[in-house]
Amino acid sequence: MIIGSVLTLVAAVVALRAGIRAFVTQVRLRRDLASEVDSLGRRAGELTSRTARLEESTRELPVTLSRTQENLAELRILSGNLYVTLTQMRRILSYSGIKTSGTSWLSKVVRRHTRSVRG
């Protein structure tokens, strides 16, 4: 009986440590992913503004470059869409980070463990 309880306790501690490591890994991954999305968002914003400046410069040229202007307009739309998408992804990541806080998960694990040890 005591040996079974000790083995159960050891297994629970091992499982708890593995769960904590998984949680820490998830938090680090989420942080790194959010950082990359922020960086890409900034770059997309810069690309949009630079494309707009380039488009203005193209209009000032004496020679009509209609094909270049069309391509630049398309690039501006696409980079703007990329910027909006990355902004939305940043919001989703921050919301899911709040939603999946580790404290609630950890308290559930501890509650389940104490119930199994007592019962």
N, C-alpha and C. Protein backbone atom coordinates (compact mmCIF):
# COMPACT_ATOMS: atom_id res chain seq x y z
N MET A 1 0.83 -1.20 0.00
CA MET A 1 0.00 0.00 0.00
C MET A 1 0.87 1.26 0.00
N ILE A 2 1.87 1.30 0.89
CA ILE A 2 2.75 2.48 0.98
C ILE A 2 3.61 2.56 -0.27
N ILE A 3 4.08 1.40 -0.75
CA ILE A 3 4.92 1.40 -1.94
C ILE A 3 4.13 1.91 -3.14
N GLY A 4 2.88 1.49 -3.25
CA GLY A 4 2.02 1.97 -4.33
C GLY A 4 1.81 3.47 -4.25
N SER A 5 1.62 3.99 -3.04
CA SER A 5 1.43 5.43 -2.87
C SER A 5 2.70 6.19 -3.23
N VAL A 6 3.85 5.66 -2.85
CA VAL A 6 5.12 6.31 -3.16
C VAL A 6 5.34 6.31 -4.68
N LEU A 7 5.06 5.18 -5.31
CA LEU A 7 5.21 5.11 -6.76
C LEU A 7 4.26 6.07 -7.46
N THR A 8 3.04 6.18 -6.96
CA THR A 8 2.07 7.12 -7.53
C THR A 8 2.56 8.55 -7.37
N LEU A 9 3.11 8.85 -6.20
CA LEU A 9 3.65 10.19 -5.95
C LEU A 9 4.81 10.49 -6.89
N VAL A 10 5.71 9.54 -7.06
CA VAL A 10 6.86 9.73 -7.95
C VAL A 10 6.37 9.94 -9.39
N ALA A 11 5.41 9.13 -9.82
CA ALA A 11 4.87 9.28 -11.17
C ALA A 11 4.21 10.64 -11.34
N ALA A 12 3.50 11.08 -10.31
CA ALA A 12 2.84 12.38 -10.38
C ALA A 12 3.85 13.51 -10.47
N VAL A 13 4.93 13.42 -9.72
CA VAL A 13 5.98 14.45 -9.75
C VAL A 13 6.64 14.48 -11.13
N VAL A 14 6.93 13.30 -11.67
CA VAL A 14 7.53 13.23 -13.01
C VAL A 14 6.58 13.84 -14.04
N ALA A 15 5.30 13.49 -13.96
CA ALA A 15 4.31 14.04 -14.90
C ALA A 15 4.17 15.55 -14.74
N LEU A 16 4.19 16.01 -13.50
CA LEU A 16 4.09 17.44 -13.24
C LEU A 16 5.29 18.19 -13.82
N ARG A 17 6.48 17.64 -13.64
CA ARG A 17 7.68 18.27 -14.19
C ARG A 17 7.62 18.31 -15.72
N ALA A 18 7.16 17.22 -16.32
CA ALA A 18 7.03 17.19 -17.78
C ALA A 18 6.00 18.21 -18.24
N GLY A 19 4.91 18.32 -17.51
CA GLY A 19 3.89 19.31 -17.86
C GLY A 19 4.40 20.73 -17.74
N ILE A 20 5.17 20.99 -16.73
CA ILE A 20 5.73 22.33 -16.54
C ILE A 20 6.72 22.64 -17.66
N ARG A 21 7.55 21.66 -18.01
CA ARG A 21 8.49 21.88 -19.12
C ARG A 21 7.74 22.15 -20.41
N ALA A 22 6.67 21.41 -20.66
CA ALA A 22 5.87 21.63 -21.87
C ALA A 22 5.25 23.02 -21.86
N PHE A 23 4.77 23.43 -20.69
CA PHE A 23 4.17 24.75 -20.59
C PHE A 23 5.20 25.85 -20.85
N VAL A 24 6.38 25.70 -20.27
CA VAL A 24 7.45 26.70 -20.46
C VAL A 24 7.84 26.76 -21.94
N THR A 25 7.93 25.61 -22.57
CA THR A 25 8.25 25.57 -24.00
C THR A 25 7.16 26.27 -24.81
N GLN A 26 5.91 26.05 -24.45
CA GLN A 26 4.80 26.69 -25.16
C GLN A 26 4.87 28.21 -25.00
N VAL A 27 5.15 28.67 -23.80
CA VAL A 27 5.24 30.11 -23.55
C VAL A 27 6.37 30.72 -24.36
N ARG A 28 7.53 30.05 -24.37
CA ARG A 28 8.67 30.56 -25.14
C ARG A 28 8.35 30.60 -26.63
N LEU A 29 7.74 29.53 -27.12
CA LEU A 29 7.38 29.48 -28.54
C LEU A 29 6.39 30.59 -28.89
N ARG A 30 5.38 30.78 -28.05
CA ARG A 30 4.39 31.84 -28.29
C ARG A 30 5.06 33.21 -28.29
N ARG A 31 6.00 33.43 -27.34
CA ARG A 31 6.69 34.71 -27.26
C ARG A 31 7.53 34.94 -28.51
N ASP A 32 8.27 33.91 -28.93
CA ASP A 32 9.11 34.03 -30.12
C ASP A 32 8.26 34.26 -31.37
N LEU A 33 7.15 33.54 -31.46
CA LEU A 33 6.27 33.70 -32.61
C LEU A 33 5.67 35.10 -32.64
N ALA A 34 5.24 35.60 -31.49
CA ALA A 34 4.68 36.95 -31.42
C ALA A 34 5.74 37.99 -31.80
N SER A 35 6.98 37.76 -31.37
CA SER A 35 8.06 38.67 -31.71
C SER A 35 8.31 38.69 -33.22
N GLU A 36 8.29 37.51 -33.83
CA GLU A 36 8.49 37.43 -35.28
C GLU A 36 7.33 38.10 -36.03
N VAL A 37 6.12 37.90 -35.55
CA VAL A 37 4.96 38.53 -36.20
C VAL A 37 5.06 40.05 -36.09
N ASP A 38 5.49 40.54 -34.92
CA ASP A 38 5.68 41.99 -34.75
C ASP A 38 6.73 42.51 -35.73
N SER A 39 7.84 41.77 -35.82
CA SER A 39 8.90 42.18 -36.72
C SER A 39 8.42 42.19 -38.18
N LEU A 40 7.72 41.13 -38.57
CA LEU A 40 7.19 41.08 -39.93
C LEU A 40 6.17 42.18 -40.17
N GLY A 41 5.38 42.49 -39.15
CA GLY A 41 4.40 43.57 -39.28
C GLY A 41 5.08 44.91 -39.52
N ARG A 42 6.15 45.17 -38.77
CA ARG A 42 6.91 46.42 -38.98
C ARG A 42 7.50 46.47 -40.38
N ARG A 43 8.07 45.35 -40.81
CA ARG A 43 8.67 45.30 -42.14
C ARG A 43 7.61 45.50 -43.23
N ALA A 44 6.44 44.90 -43.04
CA ALA A 44 5.37 45.07 -44.02
C ALA A 44 4.92 46.53 -44.06
N GLY A 45 4.85 47.17 -42.89
CA GLY A 45 4.50 48.59 -42.85
C GLY A 45 5.53 49.45 -43.56
N GLU A 46 6.81 49.13 -43.33
CA GLU A 46 7.87 49.87 -44.03
C GLU A 46 7.78 49.65 -45.54
N LEU A 47 7.52 48.42 -45.93
CA LEU A 47 7.39 48.11 -47.35
C LEU A 47 6.24 48.89 -47.97
N THR A 48 5.14 48.98 -47.25
CA THR A 48 3.99 49.74 -47.75
C THR A 48 4.34 51.20 -47.95
N SER A 49 4.99 51.81 -46.95
CA SER A 49 5.31 53.24 -47.08
C SER A 49 6.37 53.47 -48.15
N ARG A 50 7.36 52.60 -48.24
CA ARG A 50 8.38 52.76 -49.28
C ARG A 50 7.77 52.58 -50.67
N THR A 51 6.85 51.64 -50.79
CA THR A 51 6.19 51.43 -52.08
C THR A 51 5.38 52.66 -52.47
N ALA A 52 4.73 53.27 -51.48
CA ALA A 52 3.95 54.49 -51.76
C ALA A 52 4.88 55.62 -52.23
N ARG A 53 6.03 55.76 -51.56
CA ARG A 53 6.99 56.80 -51.98
C ARG A 53 7.53 56.51 -53.38
N LEU A 54 7.79 55.24 -53.65
CA LEU A 54 8.28 54.87 -54.97
C LEU A 54 7.22 55.15 -56.03
N GLU A 55 5.98 54.88 -55.69
CA GLU A 55 4.89 55.14 -56.62
C GLU A 55 4.79 56.65 -56.92
N GLU A 56 4.96 57.47 -55.89
CA GLU A 56 4.94 58.92 -56.11
C GLU A 56 6.09 59.35 -57.00
N SER A 57 7.26 58.77 -56.77
CA SER A 57 8.42 59.11 -57.60
C SER A 57 8.20 58.69 -59.04
N THR A 58 7.56 57.56 -59.23
CA THR A 58 7.28 57.08 -60.57
C THR A 58 6.35 58.03 -61.31
N ARG A 59 5.38 58.59 -60.59
CA ARG A 59 4.46 59.53 -61.24
C ARG A 59 5.18 60.80 -61.69
N GLU A 60 6.25 61.15 -61.01
CA GLU A 60 6.96 62.39 -61.33
C GLU A 60 7.89 62.23 -62.54
N LEU A 61 8.15 61.02 -62.94
CA LEU A 61 9.04 60.82 -64.10
C LEU A 61 8.38 61.35 -65.36
N PRO A 62 9.20 61.94 -66.24
CA PRO A 62 8.62 62.48 -67.48
C PRO A 62 8.08 61.39 -68.42
N VAL A 63 8.64 60.24 -68.36
CA VAL A 63 8.21 59.15 -69.22
C VAL A 63 7.10 58.39 -68.52
N THR A 64 6.05 58.04 -69.27
CA THR A 64 4.93 57.30 -68.69
C THR A 64 5.34 55.84 -68.54
N LEU A 65 5.28 55.37 -67.34
CA LEU A 65 5.63 53.98 -67.06
C LEU A 65 4.40 53.29 -66.50
N SER A 66 3.40 53.14 -67.33
CA SER A 66 2.12 52.63 -66.84
C SER A 66 2.23 51.22 -66.28
N ARG A 67 3.01 50.40 -66.92
CA ARG A 67 3.14 49.02 -66.44
C ARG A 67 3.80 49.01 -65.06
N THR A 68 4.81 49.80 -64.87
CA THR A 68 5.48 49.88 -63.58
C THR A 68 4.53 50.40 -62.50
N GLN A 69 3.74 51.39 -62.87
CA GLN A 69 2.78 51.93 -61.92
C GLN A 69 1.74 50.88 -61.53
N GLU A 70 1.30 50.08 -62.50
CA GLU A 70 0.34 49.01 -62.19
C GLU A 70 0.95 48.01 -61.23
N ASN A 71 2.20 47.61 -61.52
CA ASN A 71 2.87 46.66 -60.64
C ASN A 71 3.06 47.23 -59.24
N LEU A 72 3.42 48.49 -59.18
CA LEU A 72 3.60 49.13 -57.87
C LEU A 72 2.28 49.23 -57.12
N ALA A 73 1.22 49.53 -57.84
CA ALA A 73 -0.09 49.61 -57.19
C ALA A 73 -0.49 48.25 -56.65
N GLU A 74 -0.25 47.20 -57.43
CA GLU A 74 -0.56 45.85 -56.96
C GLU A 74 0.30 45.48 -55.75
N LEU A 75 1.58 45.84 -55.82
CA LEU A 75 2.48 45.56 -54.70
C LEU A 75 2.04 46.30 -53.45
N ARG A 76 1.61 47.53 -53.64
CA ARG A 76 1.14 48.32 -52.49
C ARG A 76 -0.10 47.68 -51.86
N ILE A 77 -1.02 47.21 -52.67
CA ILE A 77 -2.22 46.54 -52.15
C ILE A 77 -1.83 45.26 -51.42
N LEU A 78 -0.95 44.47 -52.03
CA LEU A 78 -0.54 43.21 -51.41
C LEU A 78 0.23 43.43 -50.11
N SER A 79 1.12 44.41 -50.10
CA SER A 79 1.86 44.66 -48.86
C SER A 79 0.94 45.24 -47.78
N GLY A 80 -0.05 46.02 -48.19
CA GLY A 80 -1.04 46.51 -47.23
C GLY A 80 -1.85 45.37 -46.65
N ASN A 81 -2.24 44.42 -47.51
CA ASN A 81 -2.98 43.24 -47.03
C ASN A 81 -2.13 42.41 -46.09
N LEU A 82 -0.84 42.26 -46.42
CA LEU A 82 0.06 41.51 -45.54
C LEU A 82 0.17 42.18 -44.18
N TYR A 83 0.27 43.50 -44.19
CA TYR A 83 0.36 44.25 -42.94
C TYR A 83 -0.90 44.04 -42.09
N VAL A 84 -2.07 44.11 -42.72
CA VAL A 84 -3.33 43.92 -42.00
C VAL A 84 -3.42 42.50 -41.45
N THR A 85 -3.04 41.51 -42.26
CA THR A 85 -3.09 40.11 -41.82
C THR A 85 -2.16 39.88 -40.64
N LEU A 86 -0.97 40.43 -40.70
CA LEU A 86 -0.02 40.26 -39.58
C LEU A 86 -0.51 40.98 -38.33
N THR A 87 -1.15 42.11 -38.50
CA THR A 87 -1.72 42.81 -37.35
C THR A 87 -2.82 41.97 -36.71
N GLN A 88 -3.66 41.38 -37.55
CA GLN A 88 -4.72 40.51 -37.01
C GLN A 88 -4.12 39.31 -36.31
N MET A 89 -3.07 38.74 -36.87
CA MET A 89 -2.42 37.58 -36.25
C MET A 89 -1.82 37.96 -34.90
N ARG A 90 -1.25 39.15 -34.82
CA ARG A 90 -0.69 39.62 -33.54
C ARG A 90 -1.79 39.72 -32.50
N ARG A 91 -2.96 40.23 -32.90
CA ARG A 91 -4.09 40.31 -31.96
C ARG A 91 -4.56 38.93 -31.52
N ILE A 92 -4.65 38.01 -32.47
CA ILE A 92 -5.08 36.64 -32.15
C ILE A 92 -4.10 35.99 -31.18
N LEU A 93 -2.81 36.18 -31.43
CA LEU A 93 -1.80 35.58 -30.55
C LEU A 93 -1.87 36.18 -29.15
N SER A 94 -2.07 37.48 -29.06
CA SER A 94 -2.15 38.07 -27.73
C SER A 94 -3.42 37.62 -27.02
N TYR A 95 -4.53 37.44 -27.73
CA TYR A 95 -5.76 36.97 -27.11
C TYR A 95 -5.61 35.53 -26.66
N SER A 96 -5.01 34.68 -27.51
CA SER A 96 -4.87 33.27 -27.13
C SER A 96 -3.87 33.13 -26.00
N GLY A 97 -2.90 34.03 -25.91
CA GLY A 97 -1.95 33.99 -24.79
C GLY A 97 -2.64 34.28 -23.48
N ILE A 98 -3.59 35.22 -23.51
CA ILE A 98 -4.34 35.52 -22.29
C ILE A 98 -5.26 34.36 -21.94
N LYS A 99 -5.87 33.79 -22.97
CA LYS A 99 -6.85 32.73 -22.77
C LYS A 99 -6.22 31.47 -22.19
N THR A 100 -4.99 31.16 -22.57
CA THR A 100 -4.37 29.92 -22.13
C THR A 100 -3.28 30.18 -21.10
N SER A 101 -3.64 30.86 -20.04
CA SER A 101 -2.64 31.12 -19.02
C SER A 101 -2.31 29.82 -18.29
N GLY A 102 -1.07 29.70 -17.90
CA GLY A 102 -0.59 28.47 -17.29
C GLY A 102 -1.06 28.26 -15.87
N THR A 103 -1.47 29.31 -15.20
CA THR A 103 -1.86 29.14 -13.80
C THR A 103 -3.10 28.28 -13.66
N SER A 104 -4.05 28.45 -14.56
CA SER A 104 -5.26 27.64 -14.46
C SER A 104 -4.94 26.19 -14.78
N TRP A 105 -4.09 25.97 -15.75
CA TRP A 105 -3.70 24.61 -16.12
C TRP A 105 -2.98 23.94 -14.95
N LEU A 106 -2.05 24.66 -14.35
CA LEU A 106 -1.28 24.11 -13.24
C LEU A 106 -2.17 23.79 -12.05
N SER A 107 -3.13 24.65 -11.74
CA SER A 107 -4.01 24.39 -10.61
C SER A 107 -4.89 23.17 -10.87
N LYS A 108 -5.31 22.96 -12.11
CA LYS A 108 -6.10 21.77 -12.44
C LYS A 108 -5.27 20.50 -12.25
N VAL A 109 -4.02 20.54 -12.66
CA VAL A 109 -3.16 19.37 -12.50
C VAL A 109 -2.96 19.05 -11.03
N VAL A 110 -2.71 20.06 -10.23
CA VAL A 110 -2.50 19.84 -8.79
C VAL A 110 -3.79 19.31 -8.16
N ARG A 111 -4.95 19.86 -8.51
CA ARG A 111 -6.21 19.37 -7.96
C ARG A 111 -6.45 17.91 -8.30
N ARG A 112 -6.21 17.54 -9.56
CA ARG A 112 -6.39 16.15 -9.97
C ARG A 112 -5.46 15.23 -9.21
N HIS A 113 -4.24 15.68 -9.01
CA HIS A 113 -3.25 14.85 -8.31
C HIS A 113 -3.64 14.66 -6.85
N THR A 114 -4.08 15.74 -6.20
CA THR A 114 -4.44 15.61 -4.78
C THR A 114 -5.67 14.73 -4.62
N ARG A 115 -6.59 14.80 -5.57
CA ARG A 115 -7.76 13.92 -5.50
C ARG A 115 -7.36 12.46 -5.66
N SER A 116 -6.45 12.18 -6.58
CA SER A 116 -6.04 10.80 -6.81
C SER A 116 -5.24 10.25 -5.65
N VAL A 117 -4.47 11.08 -4.97
CA VAL A 117 -3.68 10.62 -3.83
C VAL A 117 -4.60 10.38 -2.64
N ARG A 118 -5.58 11.26 -2.42
CA ARG A 118 -6.50 11.11 -1.28
C ARG A 118 -7.50 9.98 -1.52
N GLY A 119 -8.03 9.90 -2.71
CA GLY A 119 -9.10 8.96 -3.00
C GLY A 119 -8.56 7.68 -3.48
